C-alpha atoms as a PDB file:
ATOM      1  CA  MET A   1     107.051  77.795 117.680  1.00  0.00           C
ATOM      2  CA  ARG A   2     108.654  81.153 118.162  1.00  0.00           C
ATOM      3  CA  LEU A   3     108.324  82.101 114.630  1.00  0.00           C
ATOM      4  CA  GLY A   4     104.629  81.276 114.400  1.00  0.00           C
ATOM      5  CA  LEU A   5     103.979  83.109 117.686  1.00  0.00           C
ATOM      6  CA  GLY A   6     106.068  85.969 116.644  1.00  0.00           C
ATOM      7  CA  GLY A   7     103.711  86.577 113.554  1.00  0.00           C
ATOM      8  CA  ALA A   8     100.511  85.660 115.302  1.00  0.00           C
ATOM      9  CA  LEU A   9     101.450  88.261 118.111  1.00  0.00           C
ATOM     10  CA  GLY A  10     102.133  91.224 116.053  1.00  0.00           C
ATOM     11  CA  GLN A  11     102.429  91.359 112.208  1.00  0.00           C
ATOM     12  CA  LEU A  12      99.776  89.083 110.987  1.00  0.00           C
ATOM     13  CA  MET A  13      96.869  88.934 113.417  1.00  0.00           C
ATOM     14  CA  ASP A  14      94.561  91.405 114.962  1.00  0.00           C
ATOM     15  CA  ALA A  15      93.332  90.702 118.838  1.00  0.00           C
ATOM     16  CA  ALA A  16      90.352  88.537 117.670  1.00  0.00           C
ATOM     17  CA  ALA A  17      92.528  86.409 115.252  1.00  0.00           C
ATOM     18  CA  ARG A  18      95.172  85.969 117.963  1.00  0.00           C
ATOM     19  CA  ALA A  19      92.655  84.829 120.451  1.00  0.00           C
ATOM     20  CA  ALA A  20      91.349  82.277 117.980  1.00  0.00           C
ATOM     21  CA  PHE A  21      95.066  81.222 117.238  1.00  0.00           C
ATOM     22  CA  ARG A  22      95.516  80.843 120.832  1.00  0.00           C
ATOM     23  CA  ALA A  23      92.329  78.858 121.445  1.00  0.00           C
ATOM     24  CA  ALA A  24      93.084  76.540 118.512  1.00  0.00           C
ATOM     25  CA  LEU A  25      96.691  75.842 120.088  1.00  0.00           C
ATOM     26  CA  GLY A  26      94.970  74.652 123.213  1.00  0.00           C
ATOM     27  CA  ARG A  27      96.962  73.524 126.200  1.00  0.00           C
ATOM     28  CA  ALA A  28     100.217  73.679 123.748  1.00  0.00           C
ATOM     29  CA  ALA A  29     100.267  77.603 124.352  1.00  0.00           C
ATOM     30  CA  ASP A  30     100.408  77.971 128.012  1.00  0.00           C
ATOM     31  CA  GLY A  31     100.726  81.518 129.461  1.00  0.00           C
ATOM     32  CA  ALA A  32     104.309  81.263 129.831  1.00  0.00           C
ATOM     33  CA  MET A  33     104.791  80.408 126.222  1.00  0.00           C
ATOM     34  CA  TRP A  34     102.530  83.082 125.084  1.00  0.00           C
ATOM     35  CA  ALA A  35     104.607  85.608 127.271  1.00  0.00           C
ATOM     36  CA  ARG A  36     107.707  84.433 125.699  1.00  0.00           C
ATOM     37  CA  GLY A  37     106.153  84.992 122.411  1.00  0.00           C
ATOM     38  CA  ARG A  38     105.165  88.494 123.155  1.00  0.00           C
ATOM     39  CA  GLY A  39     108.732  89.234 124.387  1.00  0.00           C
ATOM     40  CA  TRP A  40     110.369  87.730 121.097  1.00  0.00           C
ATOM     41  CA  ALA A  41     107.946  89.614 118.823  1.00  0.00           C
ATOM     42  CA  LEU A  42     108.464  92.948 120.854  1.00  0.00           C
ATOM     43  CA  THR A  43     112.242  92.507 120.646  1.00  0.00           C
ATOM     44  CA  ILE A  44     112.148  91.988 116.912  1.00  0.00           C
ATOM     45  CA  ALA A  45     109.854  94.996 116.404  1.00  0.00           C
ATOM     46  CA  LEU A  46     112.064  97.187 118.646  1.00  0.00           C
ATOM     47  CA  ASP A  47     115.000  96.281 116.611  1.00  0.00           C
ATOM     48  CA  GLU A  48     113.146  96.674 113.351  1.00  0.00           C
ATOM     49  CA  LEU A  49     112.047 100.342 114.466  1.00  0.00           C
ATOM     50  CA  ALA A  50     115.647 101.361 115.476  1.00  0.00           C
ATOM     51  CA  TYR A  51     117.140  99.980 112.354  1.00  0.00           C
ATOM     52  CA  TYR A  52     114.323 101.222 109.749  1.00  0.00           C
ATOM     53  CA  ARG A  53     112.799 104.554 111.273  1.00  0.00           C
ATOM     54  CA  GLU A  54     114.819 106.704 108.984  1.00  0.00           C
ATOM     55  CA  THR A  55     115.447 104.418 106.123  1.00  0.00           C
ATOM     56  CA  ASN A  56     112.367 102.496 105.481  1.00  0.00           C
ATOM     57  CA  LEU A  57     109.226 104.215 106.696  1.00  0.00           C
ATOM     58  CA  VAL A  58     106.866 101.328 105.625  1.00  0.00           C
ATOM     59  CA  MET A  59     109.015  98.798 107.907  1.00  0.00           C
ATOM     60  CA  ALA A  60     109.200 101.393 110.731  1.00  0.00           C
ATOM     61  CA  ASP A  61     105.262 101.568 110.612  1.00  0.00           C
ATOM     62  CA  ILE A  62     104.880  97.905 110.543  1.00  0.00           C
ATOM     63  CA  ALA A  63     107.336  97.729 113.786  1.00  0.00           C
ATOM     64  CA  ARG A  64     105.129 100.689 115.410  1.00  0.00           C
ATOM     65  CA  LEU A  65     102.018  98.645 114.726  1.00  0.00           C
ATOM     66  CA  VAL A  66     103.359  95.279 116.357  1.00  0.00           C
ATOM     67  CA  ILE A  67     104.684  97.485 119.348  1.00  0.00           C
ATOM     68  CA  GLY A  68     101.141  98.835 119.836  1.00  0.00           C
ATOM     69  CA  ARG A  69      99.300  95.570 119.392  1.00  0.00           C
ATOM     70  CA  LEU A  70     101.601  93.902 122.126  1.00  0.00           C
ATOM     71  CA  THR A  71     101.389  96.807 124.384  1.00  0.00           C
ATOM     72  CA  GLU A  72      97.486  96.869 124.152  1.00  0.00           C
ATOM     73  CA  GLU A  73      97.646  92.931 124.807  1.00  0.00           C
ATOM     74  CA  ALA A  74      99.743  93.526 127.835  1.00  0.00           C
ATOM     75  CA  ASP A  75      97.479  96.236 129.196  1.00  0.00           C
ATOM     76  CA  ARG A  76      94.415  93.927 128.757  1.00  0.00           C
ATOM     77  CA  LEU A  77      96.208  91.141 130.541  1.00  0.00           C
ATOM     78  CA  SER A  78      97.456  93.301 133.522  1.00  0.00           C
END
């Protein structure tokens, strides 16, 4: 499930699509699982940004997008 949540939480879906995805998962996606997925997606995005920031600007921009989406979601939840 990690790979699915990583894509859902960052790269593939905007906030509305993530909410629909989580709702479709129902009780299978409890708060703890969703938080782990966000953490996993953030770890990958931070690693990608560090690795690509000077060599692949497109990948670095995608990483920044993911980090932004994840921090926006965390702000809404807190």
